[in-house]
C-alpha atoms as a PDB file:
ATOM      1  CA  UNK A   1     154.179 109.031  45.005  1.00  0.00           C
ATOM      2  CA  UNK A   2     150.533 108.760  45.263  1.00  0.00           C
ATOM      3  CA  UNK A   3     150.076 110.698  49.283  1.00  0.00           C
ATOM      4  CA  UNK A   4     146.716 111.792  49.432  1.00  0.00           C
ATOM      5  CA  UNK A   5     145.403 111.331  46.457  1.00  0.00           C
ATOM      6  CA  UNK A   6     142.317 109.008  45.993  1.00  0.00           C
ATOM      7  CA  UNK A   7     139.947 108.945  43.439  1.00  0.00           C
ATOM      8  CA  UNK A   8     140.120 106.642  40.141  1.00  0.00           C
ATOM      9  CA  UNK A   9     141.706 108.158  36.575  1.00  0.00           C
ATOM     10  CA  UNK A  10     140.133 105.268  34.279  1.00  0.00           C
ATOM     11  CA  UNK A  11     142.756 106.173  31.728  1.00  0.00           C
ATOM     12  CA  UNK A  12     140.923 108.964  30.788  1.00  0.00           C
ATOM     13  CA  UNK A  13     142.474 113.036  30.471  1.00  0.00           C
ATOM     14  CA  UNK A  14     140.266 114.892  33.127  1.00  0.00           C
ATOM     15  CA  UNK A  15     137.211 116.112  30.877  1.00  0.00           C
ATOM     16  CA  UNK A  16     137.049 112.969  28.949  1.00  0.00           C
ATOM     17  CA  UNK A  17     136.355 110.992  32.768  1.00  0.00           C
ATOM     18  CA  UNK A  18     133.958 113.535  33.426  1.00  0.00           C
ATOM     19  CA  UNK A  19     132.383 113.438  30.534  1.00  0.00           C
ATOM     20  CA  UNK A  20     132.137 109.307  30.907  1.00  0.00           C
ATOM     21  CA  UNK A  21     131.209 110.231  34.961  1.00  0.00           C
ATOM     22  CA  UNK A  22     127.548 112.975  33.146  1.00  0.00           C
ATOM     23  CA  UNK A  23     126.818 110.558  30.859  1.00  0.00           C
ATOM     24  CA  UNK A  24     127.084 107.731  33.337  1.00  0.00           C
ATOM     25  CA  UNK A  25     124.730 109.570  35.833  1.00  0.00           C
ATOM     26  CA  UNK A  26     121.929 110.074  33.252  1.00  0.00           C
ATOM     27  CA  UNK A  27     121.882 106.361  32.466  1.00  0.00           C
ATOM     28  CA  UNK A  28     121.698 105.470  36.066  1.00  0.00           C
ATOM     29  CA  UNK A  29     118.711 107.907  36.862  1.00  0.00           C
ATOM     30  CA  UNK A  30     116.996 107.036  33.747  1.00  0.00           C
ATOM     31  CA  UNK A  31     117.457 103.414  33.798  1.00  0.00           C
ATOM     32  CA  UNK A  32     117.987 103.042  37.352  1.00  0.00           C
ATOM     33  CA  UNK A  33     120.092 100.480  36.781  1.00  0.00           C
ATOM     34  CA  UNK A  34     123.202  99.839  34.496  1.00  0.00           C
ATOM     35  CA  UNK A  35     125.783  97.813  32.919  1.00  0.00           C
ATOM     36  CA  UNK A  36     129.472  98.907  33.419  1.00  0.00           C
ATOM     37  CA  UNK A  37     132.850  98.098  34.156  1.00  0.00           C
ATOM     38  CA  UNK A  38     133.911  97.533  38.000  1.00  0.00           C
ATOM     39  CA  UNK A  39     136.219 100.139  37.936  1.00  0.00           C
ATOM     40  CA  UNK A  40     133.971 102.293  36.561  1.00  0.00           C
ATOM     41  CA  UNK A  41     131.065 102.033  38.930  1.00  0.00           C
ATOM     42  CA  UNK A  42     133.028 102.046  41.090  1.00  0.00           C
ATOM     43  CA  UNK A  43     134.526 105.806  40.574  1.00  0.00           C
ATOM     44  CA  UNK A  44     130.478 106.915  40.064  1.00  0.00           C
ATOM     45  CA  UNK A  45     129.336 105.452  43.171  1.00  0.00           C
ATOM     46  CA  UNK A  46     130.677 108.099  45.614  1.00  0.00           C
ATOM     47  CA  UNK A  47     128.688 110.697  42.457  1.00  0.00           C
ATOM     48  CA  UNK A  48     125.368 108.992  42.711  1.00  0.00           C
ATOM     49  CA  UNK A  49     125.105 108.953  46.376  1.00  0.00           C
ATOM     50  CA  UNK A  50     126.071 112.527  46.175  1.00  0.00           C
ATOM     51  CA  UNK A  51     123.368 113.620  43.764  1.00  0.00           C
ATOM     52  CA  UNK A  52     120.692 111.844  45.194  1.00  0.00           C
ATOM     53  CA  UNK A  53     121.932 113.298  48.625  1.00  0.00           C
ATOM     54  CA  UNK A  54     121.796 116.694  46.794  1.00  0.00           C
ATOM     55  CA  UNK A  55     118.150 116.136  45.509  1.00  0.00           C
ATOM     56  CA  UNK A  56     117.157 115.328  48.710  1.00  0.00           C
ATOM     57  CA  UNK A  57     117.270 119.045  49.881  1.00  0.00           C
ATOM     58  CA  UNK A  58     114.837 120.119  46.859  1.00  0.00           C
ATOM     59  CA  UNK A  59     116.370 123.562  46.528  1.00  0.00           C
ATOM     60  CA  UNK A  60     116.913 125.526  44.152  1.00  0.00           C
ATOM     61  CA  UNK A  61     120.774 125.489  44.563  1.00  0.00           C
ATOM     62  CA  UNK A  62     120.490 121.883  44.936  1.00  0.00           C
ATOM     63  CA  UNK A  63     118.970 121.788  41.578  1.00  0.00           C
ATOM     64  CA  UNK A  64     121.918 123.579  39.941  1.00  0.00           C
ATOM     65  CA  UNK A  65     124.358 121.476  41.592  1.00  0.00           C
ATOM     66  CA  UNK A  66     122.610 118.913  40.311  1.00  0.00           C
ATOM     67  CA  UNK A  67     122.632 120.077  36.682  1.00  0.00           C
ATOM     68  CA  UNK A  68     125.866 121.117  36.852  1.00  0.00           C
ATOM     69  CA  UNK A  69     126.282 117.156  36.806  1.00  0.00           C
ATOM     70  CA  UNK A  70     122.887 115.388  35.011  1.00  0.00           C
ATOM     71  CA  UNK A  71     123.039 117.758  32.054  1.00  0.00           C
ATOM     72  CA  UNK A  72     119.764 116.285  30.754  1.00  0.00           C
ATOM     73  CA  UNK A  73     116.449 118.409  32.613  1.00  0.00           C
ATOM     74  CA  UNK A  74     113.764 115.320  32.485  1.00  0.00           C
ATOM     75  CA  UNK A  75     116.295 113.064  34.298  1.00  0.00           C
ATOM     76  CA  UNK A  76     117.111 115.912  36.935  1.00  0.00           C
ATOM     77  CA  UNK A  77     112.971 115.854  37.451  1.00  0.00           C
ATOM     78  CA  UNK A  78     112.984 113.185  38.085  1.00  0.00           C
ATOM     79  CA  UNK A  79     115.932 112.562  40.331  1.00  0.00           C
ATOM     80  CA  UNK A  80     114.273 115.366  42.067  1.00  0.00           C
ATOM     81  CA  UNK A  81     110.428 113.974  42.005  1.00  0.00           C
ATOM     82  CA  UNK A  82     110.437 110.123  41.927  1.00  0.00           C
ATOM     83  CA  UNK A  83     114.029 109.380  43.280  1.00  0.00           C
ATOM     84  CA  UNK A  84     114.774 111.667  46.165  1.00  0.00           C
ATOM     85  CA  UNK A  85     110.902 111.147  47.854  1.00  0.00           C
ATOM     86  CA  UNK A  86     112.144 106.968  47.313  1.00  0.00           C
ATOM     87  CA  UNK A  87     114.815 107.604  49.672  1.00  0.00           C
ATOM     88  CA  UNK A  88     113.586 110.022  51.925  1.00  0.00           C
ATOM     89  CA  UNK A  89     114.064 107.966  55.311  1.00  0.00           C
ATOM     90  CA  UNK A  90     117.817 106.825  54.501  1.00  0.00           C
ATOM     91  CA  UNK A  91     120.896 108.624  55.148  1.00  0.00           C
ATOM     92  CA  UNK A  92     123.083 106.776  52.374  1.00  0.00           C
ATOM     93  CA  UNK A  93     124.033 103.949  50.498  1.00  0.00           C
ATOM     94  CA  UNK A  94     121.814 104.527  47.776  1.00  0.00           C
ATOM     95  CA  UNK A  95     123.245 102.068  45.020  1.00  0.00           C
ATOM     96  CA  UNK A  96     124.712  98.598  45.117  1.00  0.00           C
ATOM     97  CA  UNK A  97     126.970  97.671  42.904  1.00  0.00           C
ATOM     98  CA  UNK A  98     126.175  93.752  41.437  1.00  0.00           C
ATOM     99  CA  UNK A  99     129.108  91.135  39.900  1.00  0.00           C
ATOM    100  CA  UNK A 100     127.852  89.956  36.479  1.00  0.00           C
ATOM    101  CA  UNK A 101     131.398  88.281  35.204  1.00  0.00           C
ATOM    102  CA  UNK A 102     133.480  88.716  32.871  1.00  0.00           C
ATOM    103  CA  UNK A 103     133.238  90.826  29.927  1.00  0.00           C
ATOM    104  CA  UNK A 104     133.216  88.192  26.464  1.00  0.00           C
ATOM    105  CA  UNK A 105     135.768  90.183  24.522  1.00  0.00           C
ATOM    106  CA  UNK A 106     138.650  91.254  26.682  1.00  0.00           C
ATOM    107  CA  UNK A 107     137.508  89.954  30.273  1.00  0.00           C
ATOM    108  CA  UNK A 108     136.919  93.369  31.668  1.00  0.00           C
ATOM    109  CA  UNK A 109     134.808  92.512  34.973  1.00  0.00           C
ATOM    110  CA  UNK A 110     131.443  93.695  34.684  1.00  0.00           C
ATOM    111  CA  UNK A 111     129.033  94.838  37.088  1.00  0.00           C
ATOM    112  CA  UNK A 112     125.719  95.699  37.793  1.00  0.00           C
ATOM    113  CA  UNK A 113     125.431  99.447  39.028  1.00  0.00           C
ATOM    114  CA  UNK A 114     121.845 100.065  40.326  1.00  0.00           C
ATOM    115  CA  UNK A 115     119.467 101.986  42.745  1.00  0.00           C
ATOM    116  CA  UNK A 116     119.234  99.891  46.343  1.00  0.00           C
ATOM    117  CA  UNK A 117     114.792  99.646  46.200  1.00  0.00           C
ATOM    118  CA  UNK A 118     114.724  99.648  42.756  1.00  0.00           C
ATOM    119  CA  UNK A 119     111.580  98.670  40.986  1.00  0.00           C
ATOM    120  CA  UNK A 120     111.392  95.523  39.048  1.00  0.00           C
ATOM    121  CA  UNK A 121     109.973  96.517  35.679  1.00  0.00           C
ATOM    122  CA  UNK A 122     107.562  94.328  33.885  1.00  0.00           C
ATOM    123  CA  UNK A 123     110.068  94.131  30.891  1.00  0.00           C
ATOM    124  CA  UNK A 124     113.045  92.144  32.979  1.00  0.00           C
ATOM    125  CA  UNK A 125     109.650  89.617  34.491  1.00  0.00           C
ATOM    126  CA  UNK A 126     108.838  89.552  30.511  1.00  0.00           C
ATOM    127  CA  UNK A 127     112.130  88.526  29.549  1.00  0.00           C
ATOM    128  CA  UNK A 128     112.706  85.755  31.888  1.00  0.00           C
ATOM    129  CA  UNK A 129     109.112  84.270  31.144  1.00  0.00           C
ATOM    130  CA  UNK A 130     110.940  84.321  26.971  1.00  0.00           C
ATOM    131  CA  UNK A 131     114.449  82.932  28.103  1.00  0.00           C
ATOM    132  CA  UNK A 132     111.731  80.246  30.315  1.00  0.00           C
ATOM    133  CA  UNK A 133     109.403  79.463  27.159  1.00  0.00           C
ATOM    134  CA  UNK A 134     112.065  77.762  24.519  1.00  0.00           C
ATOM    135  CA  UNK A 135     111.362  74.976  22.267  1.00  0.00           C
ATOM    136  CA  UNK A 136     112.721  71.570  22.522  1.00  0.00           C
ATOM    137  CA  UNK A 137     115.944  71.686  20.711  1.00  0.00           C
ATOM    138  CA  UNK A 138     114.906  69.523  17.384  1.00  0.00           C
ATOM    139  CA  UNK A 139     111.495  70.838  16.364  1.00  0.00           C
ATOM    140  CA  UNK A 140     111.818  74.279  16.270  1.00  0.00           C
ATOM    141  CA  UNK A 141     112.722  74.499  12.615  1.00  0.00           C
ATOM    142  CA  UNK A 142     114.763  70.881  12.444  1.00  0.00           C
ATOM    143  CA  UNK A 143     118.404  72.865  10.745  1.00  0.00           C
ATOM    144  CA  UNK A 144     121.396  70.858  10.945  1.00  0.00           C
ATOM    145  CA  UNK A 145     122.175  67.383  10.925  1.00  0.00           C
ATOM    146  CA  UNK A 146     119.114  66.034  10.969  1.00  0.00           C
ATOM    147  CA  UNK A 147     117.420  68.333   8.155  1.00  0.00           C
ATOM    148  CA  UNK A 148     120.625  67.306   6.264  1.00  0.00           C
ATOM    149  CA  UNK A 149     119.479  63.125   6.892  1.00  0.00           C
ATOM    150  CA  UNK A 150     116.310  63.641   5.485  1.00  0.00           C
ATOM    151  CA  UNK A 151     117.496  64.861   2.415  1.00  0.00           C
ATOM    152  CA  UNK A 152     119.889  62.311   1.851  1.00  0.00           C
ATOM    153  CA  UNK A 153     117.387  59.937   2.758  1.00  0.00           C
ATOM    154  CA  UNK A 154     114.756  61.364   0.055  1.00  0.00           C
ATOM    155  CA  UNK A 155     116.901  61.491  -2.491  1.00  0.00           C
ATOM    156  CA  UNK A 156     118.092  58.026  -2.164  1.00  0.00           C
ATOM    157  CA  UNK A 157     115.157  56.439  -2.052  1.00  0.00           C
END
C-alpha cells in the first residue's frame, strides 16, 4: 500500500532520481525554460519553487541550502541576483508547465517547464522569423521530380 507516500519515483533509484533533479534544476535556472516529460516536470515544479523561495531570503544559510541542490555556483549566483529579484512580489507559483505534444520516438507527453515571467529572448524571435521566411517549394534548389524531368527532356532532345 502507498498510504501517505507522495512523490514521483520515475522508475529510478533514489540517487539517480536526485541527480536527475539537480541537473534539471541547473538547466531550468540557466535557460529559464526546458523541455522535458510531463512526469519529470511535475516532480520538479515543487523543487524549483522551493529554490526560488530560498533565494528570496538572501542569507548565507539559504545560499548553502540551494547549493546542496543546484551544484553550479554560477547558476546559484544568477538565481540569487536576478531571478529572486524578479519574483520579490510573488508569493509562489514561480513555474508553469505548457504541454508540447508527444515525443516522436516513444510518444511520451512532453512539456515546457519555464519560469513564469520569463522574458522572450531575441533568439526566440529570430527562430520564429526564420521559419516564416522560407522560399517557395519549387524555387529553392529544385530537386526531385522536376530535375529528373529536365534531365530526361535534355537527354531526349
